[in-house]
């Protein structure tokens, strides 16, 4: 039996460690504030099992970074049965908040009228796409829910990292420049393929510069949805001395029309990496857009979003 001054039996007592002062002190874990708006991931493209799995993986990563996060998925082209539309998800989120307030008042509690956003809509897009963003804004307006709409996920250093990993997985780039080994199939010129027209190409160029610094090879952006864009960039790279090209899809996946990537590979006559897909950076950047919109602390110590 122990006493406040020590163990009666003479055995040592495990005492709690004092909190470490100064800059080496371990930071307190960040959790979602109580009653915080939901993160609603706006997923473009025709929904299916692969798209749902990708979106759920991104949401899972966001929740692991910020415990207590209310995260939901809304599909731009959903059917409101298996794949709920963005408009329906937003309207349902607003109705749930109103119901909670009603229940609290029915229980005799004094509750103020709901105020502020019920959610932050984060587009599942690596770069700008005016056509898709117009549809997302329309869904937000049609829902009549008080929500905020964040920016797209890129450009960002984490996306350059993701592109590097996808290229290395395909055997088209060294996994680590610091290691002294060669990859026989490594590309000496990268076509960064995006969708969304000229604005998307310009935005992709920022991430392309970061990727070029990682790989020490030229990287140029092209638009998958502009006829001749990929072929022109391939010709430009070859004209400047690149012999072995590779296509790096600067897209998450669902936003690309079926067949576009295959056509681009044939057009450029080169190998290709996979789309970004469910790379962990996608979930982290979606959360970063959410926390930035609400002004709450970033749970990780990664690079800030622009």
C-alpha atoms as a PDB file:
ATOM      1  CA  UNK A   1       0.000   0.000   0.000  1.00  0.00           C
ATOM      2  CA  UNK A   2       1.368   3.391  -0.977  1.00  0.00           C
ATOM      3  CA  UNK A   3       1.345   6.701   0.835  1.00  0.00           C
ATOM      4  CA  UNK A   4       1.672  10.218  -0.592  1.00  0.00           C
ATOM      5  CA  UNK A   5       5.348  10.181   0.333  1.00  0.00           C
ATOM      6  CA  UNK A   6       6.230   6.852  -1.226  1.00  0.00           C
ATOM      7  CA  UNK A   7       5.470   3.137  -1.392  1.00  0.00           C
ATOM      8  CA  UNK A   8       4.870   1.412   1.928  1.00  0.00           C
ATOM      9  CA  UNK A   9       6.444  -1.781   0.595  1.00  0.00           C
ATOM     10  CA  UNK A  10       9.640  -0.114  -0.497  1.00  0.00           C
ATOM     11  CA  UNK A  11       8.913  -0.739  -4.188  1.00  0.00           C
ATOM     12  CA  UNK A  12       9.392   2.167  -6.583  1.00  0.00           C
ATOM     13  CA  UNK A  13       6.345   4.107  -7.705  1.00  0.00           C
ATOM     14  CA  UNK A  14       5.960   5.198 -11.326  1.00  0.00           C
ATOM     15  CA  UNK A  15       5.422   8.931 -11.043  1.00  0.00           C
ATOM     16  CA  UNK A  16       4.067  11.031 -13.912  1.00  0.00           C
ATOM     17  CA  UNK A  17       6.750  12.785 -15.917  1.00  0.00           C
ATOM     18  CA  UNK A  18       6.719  16.569 -15.654  1.00  0.00           C
ATOM     19  CA  UNK A  19       5.810  18.427 -18.819  1.00  0.00           C
ATOM     20  CA  UNK A  20       8.935  19.411 -20.688  1.00  0.00           C
ATOM     21  CA  UNK A  21       9.325  23.189 -20.883  1.00  0.00           C
ATOM     22  CA  UNK A  22      10.664  25.233 -23.747  1.00  0.00           C
ATOM     23  CA  UNK A  23      10.778  24.613 -27.476  1.00  0.00           C
ATOM     24  CA  UNK A  24      11.290  20.862 -27.093  1.00  0.00           C
ATOM     25  CA  UNK A  25       7.971  20.447 -25.343  1.00  0.00           C
ATOM     26  CA  UNK A  26       5.675  18.022 -27.148  1.00  0.00           C
ATOM     27  CA  UNK A  27       2.745  19.938 -28.698  1.00  0.00           C
ATOM     28  CA  UNK A  28      -0.759  19.273 -27.505  1.00  0.00           C
ATOM     29  CA  UNK A  29      -2.750  17.151 -29.974  1.00  0.00           C
ATOM     30  CA  UNK A  30      -5.145  19.163 -32.138  1.00  0.00           C
ATOM     31  CA  UNK A  31      -8.732  17.966 -32.352  1.00  0.00           C
ATOM     32  CA  UNK A  32     -11.702  19.331 -34.239  1.00  0.00           C
ATOM     33  CA  UNK A  33     -13.552  21.984 -32.219  1.00  0.00           C
ATOM     34  CA  UNK A  34     -16.914  20.854 -30.865  1.00  0.00           C
ATOM     35  CA  UNK A  35     -19.681  21.745 -33.300  1.00  0.00           C
ATOM     36  CA  UNK A  36     -17.207  22.636 -36.057  1.00  0.00           C
ATOM     37  CA  UNK A  37     -18.544  22.672 -39.637  1.00  0.00           C
ATOM     38  CA  UNK A  38     -18.235  19.503 -41.669  1.00  0.00           C
ATOM     39  CA  UNK A  39     -15.577  18.960 -44.291  1.00  0.00           C
ATOM     40  CA  UNK A  40     -17.477  18.077 -47.463  1.00  0.00           C
ATOM     41  CA  UNK A  41     -15.310  16.618 -50.213  1.00  0.00           C
ATOM     42  CA  UNK A  42     -16.728  17.556 -53.634  1.00  0.00           C
ATOM     43  CA  UNK A  43     -15.910  14.665 -55.971  1.00  0.00           C
ATOM     44  CA  UNK A  44     -16.108  15.254 -59.743  1.00  0.00           C
ATOM     45  CA  UNK A  45     -16.596  12.684 -62.485  1.00  0.00           C
ATOM     46  CA  UNK A  46     -18.812   9.667 -62.908  1.00  0.00           C
ATOM     47  CA  UNK A  47     -18.986   7.928 -59.516  1.00  0.00           C
ATOM     48  CA  UNK A  48     -18.080   4.279 -59.112  1.00  0.00           C
ATOM     49  CA  UNK A  49     -16.463   1.921 -56.643  1.00  0.00           C
ATOM     50  CA  UNK A  50     -12.931   3.085 -57.481  1.00  0.00           C
ATOM     51  CA  UNK A  51     -13.878   6.751 -57.098  1.00  0.00           C
ATOM     52  CA  UNK A  52     -15.654   6.081 -53.809  1.00  0.00           C
ATOM     53  CA  UNK A  53     -12.663   4.159 -52.476  1.00  0.00           C
ATOM     54  CA  UNK A  54     -10.347   7.029 -53.405  1.00  0.00           C
ATOM     55  CA  UNK A  55     -12.589   9.633 -51.751  1.00  0.00           C
ATOM     56  CA  UNK A  56     -13.018   7.519 -48.621  1.00  0.00           C
ATOM     57  CA  UNK A  57      -9.255   7.078 -48.345  1.00  0.00           C
ATOM     58  CA  UNK A  58      -8.739  10.851 -48.555  1.00  0.00           C
ATOM     59  CA  UNK A  59     -11.393  11.374 -45.876  1.00  0.00           C
ATOM     60  CA  UNK A  60      -9.813   8.692 -43.678  1.00  0.00           C
ATOM     61  CA  UNK A  61      -6.442  10.446 -43.847  1.00  0.00           C
ATOM     62  CA  UNK A  62      -8.049  13.794 -42.977  1.00  0.00           C
ATOM     63  CA  UNK A  63      -9.807  12.246 -39.961  1.00  0.00           C
ATOM     64  CA  UNK A  64      -6.576  10.642 -38.750  1.00  0.00           C
ATOM     65  CA  UNK A  65      -4.873  14.052 -38.909  1.00  0.00           C
ATOM     66  CA  UNK A  66      -7.719  15.826 -37.076  1.00  0.00           C
ATOM     67  CA  UNK A  67      -9.605  13.547 -34.645  1.00  0.00           C
ATOM     68  CA  UNK A  68     -13.265  14.387 -34.251  1.00  0.00           C
ATOM     69  CA  UNK A  69     -13.546  15.752 -37.789  1.00  0.00           C
ATOM     70  CA  UNK A  70     -17.010  15.484 -39.346  1.00  0.00           C
ATOM     71  CA  UNK A  71     -16.150  14.611 -42.946  1.00  0.00           C
ATOM     72  CA  UNK A  72     -18.557  13.746 -45.762  1.00  0.00           C
ATOM     73  CA  UNK A  73     -18.490  13.036 -49.496  1.00  0.00           C
ATOM     74  CA  UNK A  74     -20.689  14.621 -52.140  1.00  0.00           C
ATOM     75  CA  UNK A  75     -20.568  13.604 -55.809  1.00  0.00           C
ATOM     76  CA  UNK A  76     -21.096  16.150 -58.581  1.00  0.00           C
ATOM     77  CA  UNK A  77     -22.676  13.441 -60.732  1.00  0.00           C
ATOM     78  CA  UNK A  78     -24.216  11.365 -57.954  1.00  0.00           C
ATOM     79  CA  UNK A  79     -27.528   9.524 -58.139  1.00  0.00           C
ATOM     80  CA  UNK A  80     -28.764  10.233 -54.568  1.00  0.00           C
ATOM     81  CA  UNK A  81     -29.006   6.514 -53.882  1.00  0.00           C
ATOM     82  CA  UNK A  82     -25.610   4.850 -53.722  1.00  0.00           C
ATOM     83  CA  UNK A  83     -23.727   8.071 -54.479  1.00  0.00           C
ATOM     84  CA  UNK A  84     -25.271  11.157 -52.815  1.00  0.00           C
ATOM     85  CA  UNK A  85     -24.994  14.392 -54.765  1.00  0.00           C
ATOM     86  CA  UNK A  86     -23.078  17.340 -53.360  1.00  0.00           C
ATOM     87  CA  UNK A  87     -26.272  19.390 -53.220  1.00  0.00           C
ATOM     88  CA  UNK A  88     -28.083  16.723 -51.189  1.00  0.00           C
ATOM     89  CA  UNK A  89     -25.184  16.241 -48.764  1.00  0.00           C
ATOM     90  CA  UNK A  90     -25.021  19.976 -48.074  1.00  0.00           C
ATOM     91  CA  UNK A  91     -28.784  20.302 -47.580  1.00  0.00           C
ATOM     92  CA  UNK A  92     -28.761  17.284 -45.254  1.00  0.00           C
ATOM     93  CA  UNK A  93     -25.858  18.722 -43.239  1.00  0.00           C
ATOM     94  CA  UNK A  94     -27.777  21.988 -42.728  1.00  0.00           C
ATOM     95  CA  UNK A  95     -30.948  20.095 -41.760  1.00  0.00           C
ATOM     96  CA  UNK A  96     -29.029  18.060 -39.171  1.00  0.00           C
ATOM     97  CA  UNK A  97     -27.768  21.227 -37.472  1.00  0.00           C
ATOM     98  CA  UNK A  98     -31.265  22.701 -37.379  1.00  0.00           C
ATOM     99  CA  UNK A  99     -32.601  19.448 -35.891  1.00  0.00           C
ATOM    100  CA  UNK A 100     -29.944  19.460 -33.141  1.00  0.00           C
ATOM    101  CA  UNK A 101     -30.925  22.990 -32.190  1.00  0.00           C
ATOM    102  CA  UNK A 102     -34.611  22.010 -32.118  1.00  0.00           C
ATOM    103  CA  UNK A 103     -33.924  19.006 -29.914  1.00  0.00           C
ATOM    104  CA  UNK A 104     -31.902  21.117 -27.493  1.00  0.00           C
ATOM    105  CA  UNK A 105     -34.698  23.669 -27.188  1.00  0.00           C
ATOM    106  CA  UNK A 106     -37.277  20.915 -26.729  1.00  0.00           C
ATOM    107  CA  UNK A 107     -35.172  19.674 -23.815  1.00  0.00           C
ATOM    108  CA  UNK A 108     -35.445  23.101 -22.208  1.00  0.00           C
ATOM    109  CA  UNK A 109     -31.986  24.382 -23.059  1.00  0.00           C
ATOM    110  CA  UNK A 110     -31.429  27.940 -24.204  1.00  0.00           C
ATOM    111  CA  UNK A 111     -29.783  27.681 -27.604  1.00  0.00           C
ATOM    112  CA  UNK A 112     -29.024  30.564 -29.947  1.00  0.00           C
ATOM    113  CA  UNK A 113     -30.130  30.470 -33.554  1.00  0.00           C
ATOM    114  CA  UNK A 114     -27.622  28.631 -35.810  1.00  0.00           C
ATOM    115  CA  UNK A 115     -24.974  30.959 -37.153  1.00  0.00           C
ATOM    116  CA  UNK A 116     -22.056  30.529 -39.534  1.00  0.00           C
ATOM    117  CA  UNK A 117     -21.205  27.781 -41.984  1.00  0.00           C
ATOM    118  CA  UNK A 118     -22.406  24.210 -41.609  1.00  0.00           C
ATOM    119  CA  UNK A 119     -19.620  22.972 -43.825  1.00  0.00           C
ATOM    120  CA  UNK A 120     -16.530  23.700 -45.891  1.00  0.00           C
ATOM    121  CA  UNK A 121     -16.678  22.314 -49.421  1.00  0.00           C
ATOM    122  CA  UNK A 122     -13.247  21.168 -50.616  1.00  0.00           C
ATOM    123  CA  UNK A 123     -12.998  20.320 -54.351  1.00  0.00           C
ATOM    124  CA  UNK A 124     -11.154  17.071 -55.051  1.00  0.00           C
ATOM    125  CA  UNK A 125      -9.048  18.778 -57.713  1.00  0.00           C
ATOM    126  CA  UNK A 126      -5.278  19.138 -57.955  1.00  0.00           C
ATOM    127  CA  UNK A 127      -5.561  22.325 -59.998  1.00  0.00           C
ATOM    128  CA  UNK A 128      -8.095  24.887 -61.232  1.00  0.00           C
ATOM    129  CA  UNK A 129     -10.860  23.772 -63.576  1.00  0.00           C
ATOM    130  CA  UNK A 130     -13.362  26.531 -64.317  1.00  0.00           C
ATOM    131  CA  UNK A 131     -16.033  24.223 -65.713  1.00  0.00           C
ATOM    132  CA  UNK A 132     -16.018  21.938 -62.679  1.00  0.00           C
ATOM    133  CA  UNK A 133     -15.768  24.821 -60.216  1.00  0.00           C
ATOM    134  CA  UNK A 134     -18.842  26.445 -61.786  1.00  0.00           C
ATOM    135  CA  UNK A 135     -20.771  23.216 -61.218  1.00  0.00           C
ATOM    136  CA  UNK A 136     -19.585  23.004 -57.611  1.00  0.00           C
ATOM    137  CA  UNK A 137     -20.644  26.604 -56.954  1.00  0.00           C
ATOM    138  CA  UNK A 138     -24.035  25.893 -58.513  1.00  0.00           C
ATOM    139  CA  UNK A 139     -24.536  22.852 -56.277  1.00  0.00           C
ATOM    140  CA  UNK A 140     -23.632  24.980 -53.252  1.00  0.00           C
ATOM    141  CA  UNK A 141     -26.187  27.625 -54.221  1.00  0.00           C
ATOM    142  CA  UNK A 142     -28.884  25.065 -55.016  1.00  0.00           C
ATOM    143  CA  UNK A 143     -28.463  23.443 -51.591  1.00  0.00           C
ATOM    144  CA  UNK A 144     -29.299  26.784 -49.901  1.00  0.00           C
ATOM    145  CA  UNK A 145     -26.975  25.709 -47.099  1.00  0.00           C
ATOM    146  CA  UNK A 146     -24.625  28.220 -45.450  1.00  0.00           C
ATOM    147  CA  UNK A 147     -21.265  26.765 -46.461  1.00  0.00           C
ATOM    148  CA  UNK A 148     -17.828  27.956 -47.503  1.00  0.00           C
ATOM    149  CA  UNK A 149     -16.067  26.840 -50.672  1.00  0.00           C
ATOM    150  CA  UNK A 150     -12.306  26.350 -50.473  1.00  0.00           C
ATOM    151  CA  UNK A 151      -9.718  26.561 -53.227  1.00  0.00           C
ATOM    152  CA  UNK A 152      -8.400  23.504 -55.086  1.00  0.00           C
ATOM    153  CA  UNK A 153      -5.551  21.478 -53.572  1.00  0.00           C
ATOM    154  CA  UNK A 154      -2.642  22.744 -55.656  1.00  0.00           C
ATOM    155  CA  UNK A 155      -0.130  23.939 -56.464  1.00  0.00           C
ATOM    156  CA  UNK A 156       1.731  22.633 -53.441  1.00  0.00           C
ATOM    157  CA  UNK A 157       5.093  20.986 -52.600  1.00  0.00           C
ATOM    158  CA  UNK A 158       3.293  17.863 -51.359  1.00  0.00           C
ATOM    159  CA  UNK A 159       1.875  17.352 -54.858  1.00  0.00           C
ATOM    160  CA  UNK A 160       5.380  17.562 -56.323  1.00  0.00           C
ATOM    161  CA  UNK A 161       6.353  14.849 -53.856  1.00  0.00           C
ATOM    162  CA  UNK A 162       3.356  12.757 -54.920  1.00  0.00           C
ATOM    163  CA  UNK A 163       4.254  13.113 -58.605  1.00  0.00           C
ATOM    164  CA  UNK A 164       7.840  12.073 -57.832  1.00  0.00           C
ATOM    165  CA  UNK A 165       6.613   8.975 -56.004  1.00  0.00           C
ATOM    166  CA  UNK A 166       4.246   7.998 -58.838  1.00  0.00           C
ATOM    167  CA  UNK A 167       7.064   8.354 -61.378  1.00  0.00           C
ATOM    168  CA  UNK A 168       9.441   6.290 -59.253  1.00  0.00           C
ATOM    169  CA  UNK A 169       6.764   3.608 -58.780  1.00  0.00           C
ATOM    170  CA  UNK A 170       6.572   3.328 -62.565  1.00  0.00           C
ATOM    171  CA  UNK A 171      10.361   3.084 -62.842  1.00  0.00           C
ATOM    172  CA  UNK A 172      10.552   6.460 -64.574  1.00  0.00           C
ATOM    173  CA  UNK A 173      12.509   8.378 -61.934  1.00  0.00           C
ATOM    174  CA  UNK A 174      14.963   7.757 -59.123  1.00  0.00           C
ATOM    175  CA  UNK A 175      13.194   7.309 -55.830  1.00  0.00           C
ATOM    176  CA  UNK A 176      15.867   9.331 -54.034  1.00  0.00           C
ATOM    177  CA  UNK A 177      18.430  11.605 -55.666  1.00  0.00           C
ATOM    178  CA  UNK A 178      20.738  11.173 -52.675  1.00  0.00           C
ATOM    179  CA  UNK A 179      21.212   7.472 -53.414  1.00  0.00           C
ATOM    180  CA  UNK A 180      23.919   6.689 -55.928  1.00  0.00           C
ATOM    181  CA  UNK A 181      22.111   4.297 -58.236  1.00  0.00           C
ATOM    182  CA  UNK A 182      20.631   4.662 -61.673  1.00  0.00           C
ATOM    183  CA  UNK A 183      17.302   3.701 -63.147  1.00  0.00           C
ATOM    184  CA  UNK A 184      17.713   2.458 -66.707  1.00  0.00           C
ATOM    185  CA  UNK A 185      14.236   3.650 -67.678  1.00  0.00           C
ATOM    186  CA  UNK A 186      14.462   7.034 -65.903  1.00  0.00           C
ATOM    187  CA  UNK A 187      13.041   9.845 -68.004  1.00  0.00           C
ATOM    188  CA  UNK A 188      15.078  12.895 -68.955  1.00  0.00           C
ATOM    189  CA  UNK A 189      12.008  15.021 -69.668  1.00  0.00           C
ATOM    190  CA  UNK A 190       8.605  15.096 -67.967  1.00  0.00           C
ATOM    191  CA  UNK A 191       5.248  16.115 -69.434  1.00  0.00           C
ATOM    192  CA  UNK A 192       3.063  17.280 -66.560  1.00  0.00           C
ATOM    193  CA  UNK A 193      -0.439  16.518 -67.852  1.00  0.00           C
ATOM    194  CA  UNK A 194      -3.400  18.337 -66.318  1.00  0.00           C
ATOM    195  CA  UNK A 195      -7.002  19.265 -67.121  1.00  0.00           C
ATOM    196  CA  UNK A 196      -8.726  22.634 -66.957  1.00  0.00           C
ATOM    197  CA  UNK A 197      -7.229  24.486 -69.914  1.00  0.00           C
ATOM    198  CA  UNK A 198      -4.605  27.210 -69.935  1.00  0.00           C
ATOM    199  CA  UNK A 199      -5.209  28.358 -66.348  1.00  0.00           C
ATOM    200  CA  UNK A 200      -4.605  24.820 -65.119  1.00  0.00           C
ATOM    201  CA  UNK A 201      -1.424  24.568 -67.202  1.00  0.00           C
ATOM    202  CA  UNK A 202      -0.052  27.761 -65.654  1.00  0.00           C
ATOM    203  CA  UNK A 203      -0.881  26.571 -62.127  1.00  0.00           C
ATOM    204  CA  UNK A 204       0.648  23.150 -62.850  1.00  0.00           C
ATOM    205  CA  UNK A 205       3.824  24.901 -63.937  1.00  0.00           C
ATOM    206  CA  UNK A 206       4.439  25.968 -60.327  1.00  0.00           C
ATOM    207  CA  UNK A 207       4.317  22.378 -59.101  1.00  0.00           C
ATOM    208  CA  UNK A 208       6.328  21.438 -62.200  1.00  0.00           C
ATOM    209  CA  UNK A 209       9.196  23.679 -61.089  1.00  0.00           C
ATOM    210  CA  UNK A 210       9.239  21.933 -57.717  1.00  0.00           C
ATOM    211  CA  UNK A 211       9.222  18.536 -59.437  1.00  0.00           C
ATOM    212  CA  UNK A 212      12.044  19.597 -61.780  1.00  0.00           C
ATOM    213  CA  UNK A 213      14.128  20.582 -58.753  1.00  0.00           C
ATOM    214  CA  UNK A 214      13.544  17.143 -57.220  1.00  0.00           C
ATOM    215  CA  UNK A 215      14.380  15.207 -60.408  1.00  0.00           C
ATOM    216  CA  UNK A 216      16.975  17.530 -61.990  1.00  0.00           C
ATOM    217  CA  UNK A 217      15.274  17.109 -65.381  1.00  0.00           C
ATOM    218  CA  UNK A 218      13.076  19.518 -67.391  1.00  0.00           C
ATOM    219  CA  UNK A 219       9.357  19.440 -66.596  1.00  0.00           C
ATOM    220  CA  UNK A 220       6.734  21.140 -68.779  1.00  0.00           C
ATOM    221  CA  UNK A 221       2.966  21.268 -68.292  1.00  0.00           C
ATOM    222  CA  UNK A 222       0.377  20.389 -70.945  1.00  0.00           C
ATOM    223  CA  UNK A 223      -3.421  20.278 -71.054  1.00  0.00           C
ATOM    224  CA  UNK A 224      -5.020  16.877 -71.559  1.00  0.00           C
ATOM    225  CA  UNK A 225      -8.263  18.553 -72.620  1.00  0.00           C
ATOM    226  CA  UNK A 226      -6.707  20.823 -75.275  1.00  0.00           C
ATOM    227  CA  UNK A 227      -6.104  19.189 -78.625  1.00  0.00           C
ATOM    228  CA  UNK A 228      -2.433  19.109 -79.601  1.00  0.00           C
ATOM    229  CA  UNK A 229      -1.162  20.423 -76.254  1.00  0.00           C
ATOM    230  CA  UNK A 230       0.563  17.215 -75.156  1.00  0.00           C
ATOM    231  CA  UNK A 231       2.119  16.607 -78.589  1.00  0.00           C
ATOM    232  CA  UNK A 232       3.441  20.178 -78.713  1.00  0.00           C
ATOM    233  CA  UNK A 233       5.109  19.899 -75.305  1.00  0.00           C
ATOM    234  CA  UNK A 234       6.583  16.498 -76.206  1.00  0.00           C
ATOM    235  CA  UNK A 235       8.065  18.010 -79.383  1.00  0.00           C
ATOM    236  CA  UNK A 236       9.433  20.960 -77.412  1.00  0.00           C
ATOM    237  CA  UNK A 237      11.122  18.715 -74.861  1.00  0.00           C
ATOM    238  CA  UNK A 238      12.647  16.512 -77.546  1.00  0.00           C
ATOM    239  CA  UNK A 239      13.783  19.599 -79.415  1.00  0.00           C
ATOM    240  CA  UNK A 240      15.649  20.786 -76.336  1.00  0.00           C
ATOM    241  CA  UNK A 241      17.541  17.510 -75.980  1.00  0.00           C
ATOM    242  CA  UNK A 242      15.300  15.173 -73.982  1.00  0.00           C
ATOM    243  CA  UNK A 243      15.327  11.660 -75.421  1.00  0.00           C
ATOM    244  CA  UNK A 244      13.295   9.585 -73.001  1.00  0.00           C
ATOM    245  CA  UNK A 245      10.068  11.300 -72.018  1.00  0.00           C
ATOM    246  CA  UNK A 246       7.511  10.356 -69.364  1.00  0.00           C
ATOM    247  CA  UNK A 247       3.960  11.555 -68.756  1.00  0.00           C
ATOM    248  CA  UNK A 248       3.172  12.524 -65.160  1.00  0.00           C
ATOM    249  CA  UNK A 249      -0.616  12.920 -64.693  1.00  0.00           C
ATOM    250  CA  UNK A 250      -1.152  15.978 -62.507  1.00  0.00           C
ATOM    251  CA  UNK A 251      -4.695  14.826 -61.770  1.00  0.00           C
ATOM    252  CA  UNK A 252      -6.299  12.924 -58.921  1.00  0.00           C
ATOM    253  CA  UNK A 253      -8.284  10.734 -61.304  1.00  0.00           C
ATOM    254  CA  UNK A 254     -12.066  11.158 -61.206  1.00  0.00           C
ATOM    255  CA  UNK A 255     -11.917  14.564 -62.927  1.00  0.00           C
ATOM    256  CA  UNK A 256     -10.387  13.129 -66.133  1.00  0.00           C
ATOM    257  CA  UNK A 257     -12.702  11.989 -68.935  1.00  0.00           C
ATOM    258  CA  UNK A 258     -12.288   8.332 -69.838  1.00  0.00           C
ATOM    259  CA  UNK A 259      -9.640   7.733 -72.480  1.00  0.00           C
ATOM    260  CA  UNK A 260      -7.898  11.126 -72.173  1.00  0.00           C
ATOM    261  CA  UNK A 261      -4.797   9.786 -70.448  1.00  0.00           C
ATOM    262  CA  UNK A 262      -4.468   6.846 -72.851  1.00  0.00           C
ATOM    263  CA  UNK A 263      -4.738   9.210 -75.820  1.00  0.00           C
ATOM    264  CA  UNK A 264      -2.115  11.514 -74.326  1.00  0.00           C
ATOM    265  CA  UNK A 265       0.345   8.642 -73.873  1.00  0.00           C
ATOM    266  CA  UNK A 266      -0.057   7.660 -77.531  1.00  0.00           C
ATOM    267  CA  UNK A 267       0.202  11.292 -78.616  1.00  0.00           C
ATOM    268  CA  UNK A 268       3.459  11.811 -76.748  1.00  0.00           C
ATOM    269  CA  UNK A 269       4.744   8.309 -77.563  1.00  0.00           C
ATOM    270  CA  UNK A 270       6.122   7.790 -74.079  1.00  0.00           C
ATOM    271  CA  UNK A 271       5.590   5.873 -70.848  1.00  0.00           C
ATOM    272  CA  UNK A 272       3.299   7.177 -68.116  1.00  0.00           C
ATOM    273  CA  UNK A 273       3.002   7.144 -64.354  1.00  0.00           C
ATOM    274  CA  UNK A 274      -0.290   6.609 -62.561  1.00  0.00           C
ATOM    275  CA  UNK A 275      -2.590   9.469 -61.526  1.00  0.00           C
ATOM    276  CA  UNK A 276      -2.137  10.894 -58.023  1.00  0.00           C
ATOM    277  CA  UNK A 277      -5.100   8.874 -56.743  1.00  0.00           C
ATOM    278  CA  UNK A 278      -5.267   8.247 -53.005  1.00  0.00           C
ATOM    279  CA  UNK A 279      -1.731   9.382 -52.254  1.00  0.00           C
ATOM    280  CA  UNK A 280      -1.715  10.528 -48.575  1.00  0.00           C
ATOM    281  CA  UNK A 281      -0.973  14.133 -49.535  1.00  0.00           C
ATOM    282  CA  UNK A 282      -4.453  14.423 -51.062  1.00  0.00           C
ATOM    283  CA  UNK A 283      -6.201  13.878 -47.727  1.00  0.00           C
ATOM    284  CA  UNK A 284      -3.732  16.139 -45.921  1.00  0.00           C
ATOM    285  CA  UNK A 285      -4.220  18.967 -48.408  1.00  0.00           C
ATOM    286  CA  UNK A 286      -8.007  18.622 -48.258  1.00  0.00           C
ATOM    287  CA  UNK A 287      -7.756  19.030 -44.482  1.00  0.00           C
ATOM    288  CA  UNK A 288      -5.368  21.965 -44.879  1.00  0.00           C
ATOM    289  CA  UNK A 289      -7.918  23.772 -47.045  1.00  0.00           C
ATOM    290  CA  UNK A 290     -10.587  23.059 -44.419  1.00  0.00           C
ATOM    291  CA  UNK A 291      -8.543  24.334 -41.480  1.00  0.00           C
ATOM    292  CA  UNK A 292      -7.438  27.416 -43.434  1.00  0.00           C
ATOM    293  CA  UNK A 293     -11.065  28.273 -44.252  1.00  0.00           C
ATOM    294  CA  UNK A 294     -12.046  28.040 -40.575  1.00  0.00           C
ATOM    295  CA  UNK A 295      -8.906  29.608 -39.142  1.00  0.00           C
ATOM    296  CA  UNK A 296      -8.192  26.669 -36.841  1.00  0.00           C
ATOM    297  CA  UNK A 297      -4.663  25.364 -36.160  1.00  0.00           C
ATOM    298  CA  UNK A 298      -3.039  23.089 -38.692  1.00  0.00           C
ATOM    299  CA  UNK A 299      -2.774  19.647 -36.992  1.00  0.00           C
ATOM    300  CA  UNK A 300       0.491  18.675 -38.690  1.00  0.00           C
ATOM    301  CA  UNK A 301       3.719  20.542 -39.217  1.00  0.00           C
ATOM    302  CA  UNK A 302       3.734  20.168 -42.978  1.00  0.00           C
ATOM    303  CA  UNK A 303       4.152  22.950 -45.475  1.00  0.00           C
ATOM    304  CA  UNK A 304       1.410  25.562 -45.391  1.00  0.00           C
ATOM    305  CA  UNK A 305      -1.101  25.826 -48.192  1.00  0.00           C
ATOM    306  CA  UNK A 306       0.005  28.820 -50.227  1.00  0.00           C
END
